[in-house]
Protein backbone atom coordinates (compact mmCIF):
# COMPACT_ATOMS: atom_id res chain seq x y z
CA MET A 1 40.02 -82.41 116.37
CA ASN A 2 40.09 -86.09 116.36
CA THR A 3 43.71 -87.56 116.48
CA LEU A 4 44.35 -89.96 113.26
CA LEU A 5 43.45 -93.43 114.34
CA SER A 6 46.14 -95.87 113.54
CA ILE A 7 45.57 -98.19 110.47
CA GLU A 8 44.93 -101.35 112.52
CA LYS A 9 42.32 -99.54 114.65
CA ARG A 10 40.61 -98.23 111.24
CA ASN A 11 40.57 -101.73 109.93
CA ALA A 12 39.23 -103.25 113.11
CA VAL A 13 36.12 -100.61 113.16
CA LEU A 14 35.77 -101.81 109.41
CA LEU A 15 35.61 -105.44 110.01
CA LYS A 16 33.49 -105.01 113.14
CA MET A 17 30.82 -103.06 110.91
CA ALA A 18 31.03 -105.87 108.45
CA VAL A 19 29.99 -108.37 111.55
CA LEU A 20 27.29 -105.98 112.77
CA LEU A 21 25.70 -105.59 109.27
CA GLN A 22 25.42 -109.38 108.95
CA LYS A 23 24.04 -109.67 112.41
CA GLU A 24 21.50 -106.63 112.12
CA ARG A 25 20.62 -107.76 108.50
CA GLN A 26 16.88 -108.38 109.17
CA ALA A 27 16.32 -105.22 111.32
CA ILE A 28 17.93 -102.99 108.74
CA ILE A 29 15.60 -104.63 105.93
CA ALA A 30 12.66 -104.36 108.42
CA ILE A 31 13.44 -100.76 109.23
CA ASN A 32 14.10 -99.67 105.51
CA LYS A 33 10.49 -101.35 104.72
CA LEU A 34 8.96 -98.33 106.84
CA ASP A 35 10.88 -95.79 104.74
CA LEU A 36 9.59 -97.41 101.58
CA GLU A 37 6.16 -97.32 102.63
CA ALA A 38 6.44 -93.68 103.85
CA TYR A 39 7.95 -92.44 100.48
CA LYS A 40 4.92 -90.68 98.76
CA GLY A 41 7.13 -89.25 95.93
CA ASP A 42 6.70 -90.43 92.18
CA ASP A 43 10.45 -90.58 91.27
CA ILE A 44 11.21 -94.14 90.21
CA SER A 45 14.84 -93.74 90.50
CA MET A 46 14.87 -92.43 93.67
CA PHE A 47 12.45 -95.39 95.28
CA ASP A 48 15.04 -97.71 93.61
CA ARG A 49 18.02 -96.17 95.42
CA LEU A 50 16.02 -96.04 98.60
CA LYS A 51 15.34 -99.83 98.60
CA VAL A 52 17.62 -101.91 100.92
CA ASP A 53 17.21 -105.94 100.24
CA ASP A 54 19.58 -108.72 100.87
CA SER A 55 21.66 -108.15 97.86
CA LYS A 56 22.27 -104.54 98.90
CA VAL A 57 23.27 -105.74 102.55
CA ASP A 58 25.70 -108.13 100.93
CA GLU A 59 26.90 -105.00 99.08
CA MET A 60 27.52 -103.00 102.16
CA ILE A 61 29.32 -105.99 103.72
CA LYS A 62 31.55 -106.37 100.94
CA ALA A 63 32.32 -102.73 100.64
CA VAL A 64 33.64 -102.43 104.36
CA THR A 65 35.40 -105.77 104.13
CA HIS A 66 37.29 -104.98 100.92
CA LEU A 67 38.26 -101.26 102.46
CA ALA A 68 39.58 -103.12 105.52
CA PHE A 69 41.99 -105.02 103.63
CA GLN A 70 43.13 -102.08 101.34
CA GLU A 71 46.49 -100.15 101.89
CA ASP A 72 46.39 -97.21 104.20
CA PRO A 73 46.09 -94.01 101.77
CA VAL A 74 47.43 -91.99 104.29
CA GLY A 75 51.07 -91.16 104.92
CA ILE A 76 52.04 -92.40 101.43
CA GLU A 77 55.38 -90.56 100.14
CA ARG A 78 54.58 -88.84 96.75
CA PHE A 79 57.92 -87.00 96.43
CA SER A 80 61.20 -86.59 98.21
CA PHE A 81 64.16 -84.18 97.94
CA LYS A 82 67.49 -83.92 99.74
CA HIS A 83 68.19 -80.08 99.89
CA ASP A 84 71.69 -78.64 99.34
CA ASN A 85 71.75 -77.75 103.10
CA GLY A 86 71.14 -81.19 104.40
CA MET A 87 67.37 -80.96 104.88
CA GLN A 88 65.20 -83.90 104.11
CA VAL A 89 62.04 -83.04 102.39
CA TYR A 90 59.16 -85.52 101.85
CA ASN A 91 55.63 -84.71 100.29
CA LYS A 92 52.94 -87.46 101.90
CA THR A 93 49.37 -87.99 101.59
CA ALA A 94 47.10 -86.62 104.30
CA SER A 95 43.60 -87.00 105.39
CA PHE A 96 41.29 -83.85 104.54
CA GLY A 97 39.94 -83.98 108.24
CA ALA A 98 36.31 -83.69 107.99
CA VAL A 99 34.29 -84.66 105.16
CA LEU A 100 30.42 -83.70 104.80
CA ILE A 101 28.62 -86.07 102.46
CA ILE A 102 25.18 -84.91 101.46
CA TYR A 103 23.05 -87.66 99.68
CA GLU A 104 19.64 -88.57 98.77
CA SER A 105 17.74 -91.80 99.37
CA ARG A 106 20.63 -94.24 99.28
CA PRO A 107 21.18 -95.94 102.52
CA ASP A 108 24.11 -97.95 101.07
CA VAL A 109 25.98 -94.48 101.15
CA THR A 110 25.74 -94.41 104.95
CA VAL A 111 28.10 -97.42 104.66
CA GLU A 112 30.30 -97.04 101.63
CA ALA A 113 30.83 -93.68 101.58
CA ALA A 114 31.33 -93.33 105.24
CA GLY A 115 33.69 -96.36 104.97
CA ILE A 116 35.86 -94.72 102.34
CA ALA A 117 36.19 -91.38 104.25
CA PHE A 118 36.81 -93.11 107.63
CA LYS A 119 39.51 -95.38 106.25
CA SER A 120 41.24 -92.38 104.56
CA GLY A 121 41.41 -90.97 108.19
CA ASN A 122 38.54 -88.29 107.98
CA LYS A 123 35.93 -87.60 110.35
CA ILE A 124 32.57 -88.23 108.44
CA LEU A 125 29.57 -85.92 108.81
CA LEU A 126 26.53 -87.49 107.09
CA LYS A 127 23.53 -85.67 105.86
CA GLY A 128 21.12 -88.11 104.14
CA GLY A 129 17.76 -87.29 102.59
CA LYS A 130 14.34 -87.41 104.96
CA GLU A 131 13.28 -90.33 102.90
CA SER A 132 15.78 -92.71 104.33
CA LEU A 133 16.07 -91.30 107.62
CA ARG A 134 15.22 -94.48 109.49
CA SER A 135 17.41 -96.66 107.41
CA ASN A 136 20.40 -94.19 107.99
CA LEU A 137 20.00 -93.62 111.80
CA LYS A 138 19.83 -97.67 112.11
CA ILE A 139 23.37 -97.76 110.00
CA VAL A 140 24.84 -94.62 111.89
CA GLU A 141 24.00 -96.79 115.40
CA LEU A 142 25.87 -99.79 113.94
CA TRP A 143 28.85 -97.28 113.05
CA HIS A 144 28.87 -95.91 116.68
CA GLN A 145 28.69 -99.68 118.22
CA ALA A 146 31.76 -100.66 115.99
CA LEU A 147 33.79 -97.44 116.88
CA LYS A 148 32.80 -98.21 120.79
CA GLU A 149 33.81 -101.81 120.70
CA ASP A 150 37.33 -100.77 119.39
CA ASP A 151 37.85 -98.10 121.81
CA ALA A 152 37.20 -95.15 119.32
CA SER A 153 35.14 -92.12 119.56
CA THR A 154 31.70 -92.02 118.08
CA ASP A 155 32.69 -88.50 116.90
CA TRP A 156 34.40 -90.13 113.93
CA VAL A 157 30.58 -90.52 112.27
CA GLU A 158 28.17 -88.16 112.76
CA TYR A 159 24.59 -88.03 111.35
CA LEU A 160 23.26 -84.34 110.59
CA GLN A 161 19.59 -84.55 111.12
CA PHE A 162 18.70 -81.18 109.37
CA ASN A 163 16.04 -80.01 107.21
CA ARG A 164 16.90 -77.83 104.19
CA THR A 165 16.92 -74.65 105.88
CA GLU A 166 19.39 -75.90 108.58
CA THR A 167 21.44 -77.50 105.70
CA GLN A 168 21.76 -74.07 104.18
CA ALA A 169 22.73 -72.44 107.47
CA PHE A 170 25.23 -75.00 108.12
CA LEU A 171 26.81 -74.88 104.72
CA GLU A 172 27.10 -71.02 104.93
CA LYS A 173 28.25 -70.89 108.35
CA PRO A 174 29.39 -74.28 109.49
CA THR A 175 29.11 -74.72 113.35
CA GLN A 176 32.06 -77.42 113.37
CA LYS A 177 34.99 -77.63 111.21
CA VAL A 178 34.27 -79.13 107.46
CA ASP A 179 37.21 -79.52 105.06
CA LEU A 180 35.39 -81.09 102.14
CA ILE A 181 31.89 -81.40 100.97
CA VAL A 182 30.80 -84.18 98.66
CA PRO A 183 27.20 -83.99 97.33
CA ARG A 184 25.74 -87.26 95.97
CA GLY A 185 22.45 -86.80 94.32
CA GLY A 186 20.61 -84.97 91.48
CA GLU A 187 21.29 -81.60 89.87
CA ARG A 188 19.39 -79.88 92.15
CA LEU A 189 21.21 -81.20 95.15
CA ILE A 190 24.61 -80.35 93.61
CA ALA A 191 23.32 -76.87 92.75
CA PHE A 192 22.05 -76.10 96.09
CA VAL A 193 25.41 -77.14 97.89
CA ASN A 194 27.56 -75.17 95.39
CA GLU A 195 25.44 -72.22 95.88
CA HIS A 196 25.54 -72.08 99.59
CA ALA A 197 29.03 -73.88 100.52
CA THR A 198 31.98 -71.96 101.83
CA CYS A 199 34.44 -74.90 101.54
CA PRO A 200 35.58 -76.70 98.67
CA VAL A 201 32.89 -79.07 97.06
CA ILE A 202 33.45 -82.19 94.74
CA ILE A 203 30.97 -81.90 92.09
CA SER A 204 29.40 -85.31 91.27
CA GLY A 205 27.70 -84.13 88.20
CA ARG A 206 24.96 -85.48 86.18
CA GLY A 207 25.25 -88.24 83.42
CA ASN A 208 23.55 -87.62 80.26
CA ASN A 209 25.81 -90.15 78.43
CA PHE A 210 26.40 -90.55 74.77
CA VAL A 211 26.84 -93.52 72.44
CA TYR A 212 28.31 -92.75 68.98
CA VAL A 213 27.63 -95.34 66.42
CA HIS A 214 30.59 -94.92 64.07
CA GLU A 215 30.26 -95.84 60.29
CA ALA A 216 32.78 -98.75 60.96
CA ALA A 217 30.88 -99.96 64.16
CA ASN A 218 30.27 -103.68 64.91
CA LEU A 219 26.72 -103.64 64.98
CA ASP A 220 26.15 -106.57 67.56
CA ILE A 221 28.39 -104.77 70.09
CA ALA A 222 26.60 -101.40 69.21
CA VAL A 223 23.15 -102.93 70.42
CA ASP A 224 24.72 -104.80 73.49
CA VAL A 225 26.38 -101.47 74.63
CA ILE A 226 23.29 -99.42 74.21
CA MET A 227 20.84 -101.73 75.86
CA ASN A 228 23.37 -102.45 78.50
CA GLY A 229 23.50 -98.66 79.24
CA LYS A 230 19.89 -98.66 79.80
CA SER A 231 19.86 -101.48 82.05
CA LYS A 232 19.58 -99.44 85.20
CA ILE A 233 17.88 -95.96 84.45
CA SER A 234 18.43 -94.43 88.10
CA ALA A 235 22.58 -94.62 87.62
CA CYS A 236 24.50 -91.75 86.55
CA ASN A 237 26.29 -94.08 84.23
CA ALA A 238 23.08 -94.69 82.20
CA VAL A 239 22.95 -93.99 78.45
CA ASP A 240 20.55 -91.31 77.56
CA LYS A 241 21.54 -90.37 73.95
CA VAL A 242 22.57 -92.41 70.71
CA LEU A 243 24.36 -90.90 67.73
CA ILE A 244 24.01 -92.85 64.59
CA ASP A 245 26.64 -92.03 61.65
CA GLU A 246 24.84 -91.22 58.53
CA ASN A 247 27.09 -93.43 56.42
CA LEU A 248 26.53 -96.52 58.52
CA PRO A 249 25.92 -99.29 56.20
CA ASN A 250 22.27 -100.92 56.62
CA LYS A 251 21.75 -97.78 58.90
CA GLU A 252 17.89 -97.93 58.20
CA ALA A 253 17.68 -101.54 59.21
CA PHE A 254 19.93 -101.06 62.04
CA VAL A 255 17.78 -98.24 63.65
CA LYS A 256 14.70 -100.29 63.08
CA SER A 257 15.97 -103.00 64.93
CA LEU A 258 17.35 -100.97 67.75
CA ILE A 259 14.17 -99.06 68.05
CA SER A 260 11.93 -102.39 68.21
CA LYS A 261 14.59 -103.76 71.08
CA LEU A 262 14.27 -100.78 73.17
CA LYS A 263 10.44 -100.61 72.98
CA ASP A 264 10.30 -104.42 73.91
CA PHE A 265 12.12 -103.04 77.04
CA LYS A 266 9.30 -100.35 77.62
CA ILE A 267 11.85 -97.60 76.73
CA GLU A 268 10.40 -94.51 75.22
CA VAL A 269 12.17 -93.73 72.08
CA PHE A 270 12.53 -89.91 70.93
CA GLY A 271 14.21 -89.08 67.42
CA ASP A 272 15.83 -86.01 65.90
CA LYS A 273 14.02 -84.95 62.59
CA THR A 274 15.57 -87.62 60.39
CA ILE A 275 15.53 -90.52 62.57
CA SER A 276 11.82 -89.78 63.63
CA LYS A 277 10.73 -89.30 60.05
CA ASP A 278 12.06 -92.70 58.99
CA ASN A 279 10.74 -94.50 61.97
CA GLY A 280 7.74 -92.94 62.96
CA LEU A 281 8.96 -91.78 66.41
CA GLU A 282 7.87 -88.49 68.46
CA VAL A 283 10.07 -86.05 66.96
CA ILE A 284 11.93 -83.58 69.61
CA THR A 285 10.38 -80.17 69.70
CA SER A 286 13.58 -78.39 71.10
CA ASP A 287 17.31 -78.91 70.99
CA ASP A 288 17.37 -78.49 74.75
CA ILE A 289 16.35 -82.19 75.32
CA TRP A 290 19.80 -83.08 74.23
CA TYR A 291 21.11 -81.49 77.69
CA GLU A 292 18.63 -83.37 79.60
CA GLU A 293 19.57 -86.35 81.94
CA PHE A 294 16.59 -88.47 81.81
CA LEU A 295 17.00 -91.02 84.81
CA ASP A 296 13.86 -92.49 83.23
CA TYR A 297 13.02 -95.02 80.44
CA LYS A 298 13.66 -92.68 77.96
CA ILE A 299 16.41 -92.53 75.19
CA LEU A 300 16.91 -89.96 72.16
CA ILE A 301 18.57 -91.16 68.82
CA GLY A 302 19.98 -88.82 66.46
CA GLU A 303 21.80 -88.71 63.15
CA ILE A 304 25.38 -87.15 62.80
CA GLY A 305 27.79 -86.62 59.99
CA SER A 306 31.28 -87.61 61.29
CA ASN A 307 33.26 -88.40 63.98
CA GLN A 308 34.25 -84.72 64.22
CA GLU A 309 30.59 -83.73 64.64
CA ALA A 310 29.97 -86.54 67.22
CA ILE A 311 33.00 -85.08 69.38
CA ALA A 312 31.53 -81.60 69.16
CA MET A 313 28.02 -82.64 70.05
CA ILE A 314 28.90 -84.66 72.97
CA ASN A 315 31.34 -81.74 74.27
CA LYS A 316 28.26 -79.35 73.89
CA TYR A 317 25.34 -81.36 75.42
CA SER A 318 26.55 -84.08 77.81
CA GLY A 319 27.10 -84.01 81.41
CA GLY A 320 30.84 -84.52 81.33
CA HIS A 321 30.49 -88.12 82.81
CA SER A 322 30.76 -91.05 80.10
CA SER A 323 30.72 -91.43 76.40
CA VAL A 324 31.37 -94.37 74.06
CA ILE A 325 32.46 -95.02 70.57
CA VAL A 326 31.47 -98.19 68.71
CA THR A 327 33.92 -98.90 66.05
CA THR A 328 36.40 -101.41 64.49
CA ASN A 329 38.64 -98.38 63.45
CA GLU A 330 41.33 -97.95 66.01
CA ALA A 331 42.46 -94.63 64.64
CA GLU A 332 38.78 -93.27 64.87
CA ALA A 333 38.43 -94.42 68.26
CA LYS A 334 41.80 -92.86 69.59
CA MET A 335 40.66 -89.28 67.74
CA PHE A 336 37.17 -89.96 69.67
CA MET A 337 38.61 -90.87 72.91
CA GLU A 338 41.31 -88.03 73.05
CA ASN A 339 38.77 -85.27 72.01
CA VAL A 340 35.79 -86.03 73.85
CA ASP A 341 35.56 -84.27 77.39
CA THR A 342 34.19 -86.68 79.74
CA ALA A 343 35.56 -88.24 82.73
CA ALA A 344 35.26 -91.56 81.16
CA VAL A 345 35.79 -92.46 77.57
CA TYR A 346 34.94 -96.13 76.03
CA HIS A 347 35.79 -97.74 72.81
CA ASN A 348 33.11 -100.65 72.26
CA ALA A 349 32.29 -101.12 76.02
CA SER A 350 29.29 -99.86 78.31
CA THR A 351 29.16 -96.75 80.10
CA ARG A 352 27.87 -98.98 83.12
CA PHE A 353 31.39 -99.63 83.97
CA THR A 354 31.84 -95.96 85.15
CA ASP A 355 32.10 -97.12 88.91
CA GLY A 356 34.77 -97.22 91.30
CA GLY A 357 34.24 -101.25 92.15
CA GLN A 358 34.30 -101.92 88.14
CA LEU A 359 37.19 -99.65 87.56
CA GLY A 360 39.65 -101.24 90.01
CA LEU A 361 39.09 -98.88 92.86
CA GLY A 362 37.36 -101.01 95.29
CA GLY A 363 34.42 -98.69 95.88
CA GLU A 364 33.83 -94.90 95.26
CA LEU A 365 32.77 -91.93 97.17
CA ALA A 366 31.18 -90.31 94.32
CA ILE A 367 31.88 -89.91 90.49
CA SER A 368 33.32 -86.50 89.82
CA THR A 369 32.81 -84.43 86.75
CA ASP A 370 35.05 -81.80 88.05
CA LYS A 371 38.62 -81.79 86.75
CA LEU A 372 39.92 -80.75 90.20
CA HIS A 373 40.82 -82.32 92.45
CA GLN A 374 39.95 -85.70 90.98
CA ARG A 375 37.94 -86.55 87.90
CA GLY A 376 35.74 -89.96 87.69
CA PRO A 377 35.12 -92.24 90.29
CA ILE A 378 36.65 -91.10 93.47
CA GLY A 379 38.10 -94.05 95.63
CA LEU A 380 40.07 -94.38 98.73
CA GLN A 381 43.47 -92.96 97.34
CA HIS A 382 41.55 -89.95 96.17
CA LEU A 383 40.07 -88.74 99.40
CA VAL A 384 43.34 -87.58 100.45
CA THR A 385 45.30 -84.15 100.41
CA ASN A 386 49.23 -83.82 100.72
CA LYS A 387 51.24 -82.35 103.35
CA TRP A 388 55.01 -81.39 103.34
CA TYR A 389 57.19 -83.03 105.71
CA VAL A 390 60.75 -81.27 106.45
CA HIS A 391 63.39 -82.68 108.67
CA GLY A 392 66.44 -80.40 109.57
CA ASN A 393 68.90 -79.69 112.27
CA GLY A 394 68.69 -76.27 112.67
CA GLN A 395 68.88 -74.81 109.14
CA THR A 396 67.90 -71.04 108.29
CA ARG A 397 67.49 -69.44 104.92
């Protein structure tokens, strides 16, 4: 087991990593080109996440630098109690120990997620996808260099070059200690990890996010929120479903104008029976499509009778990630936000803000749709457990 590094040492490693990323920028981009050329799949969102360009490297540098200046999440006092017998009791945050991060196609995770886990005092085990192997190995090499230059063991960051069978075997019978697993990727990956893991897993679930345009909606806001929600199709915070209140004034004109804007952006629009009949859209053949996370240039629009019905619909079909109500009525917004069961709920704003950096956490390890141990973006301060410190002078019970 690695002894917890001092906060000074952890911060020094992070800042050294920022320097190395800058220095090796061109090499990283060149190596990533080889991964991109070797990628033979047809998943556009996978390809989008695999790519490393100058702005991606800038984000990596910004992430580790920002982490270096955040407060130490380990050892923070959560509770204290003086026992009648004179014992002093504290409850403080503590690192998990070893965190395994399993992810697909995103070399930036090798920097950001590892950085968050490392800053919170954890050993990192990285299991990336084969499509980004070259990029990931290059970045891990930089982690090792940063650790060595600050006299820290390279054991703190380890890359597991496993195929699917080896990964399954490791999950079922780990050959080293693993305290927490964070899978970052599509539903198949998450289901695979959940099925085989023998230790706690933070489920970063699917998106399938809804926007409900209430009858008292500001229509300009509604259009902006929907269009922005579709601006990055590979993101788990993208919008896939739109519910239009049947009592919306000028409903027909609004829906027509929304559909034409979506089509201008090459987004394929599907409709429920009512919407498709009035707008000549392809009608959905089964309600199962409401469960689907698209990760594609597709959107589904349906009509709904009321706020209550919208809440019920979202709670049935959504991925538990993010949902929006567009309305000028505060009471209706409050009802929606309190009763919709998603990790983030929005009033008149885009789902694209469900992101650790955007919600003030500085960065994120994943976005959890679980309710334990943390819901929504998991930042530095959530990647800790806790521990009881009890000081006595011979007390017995």
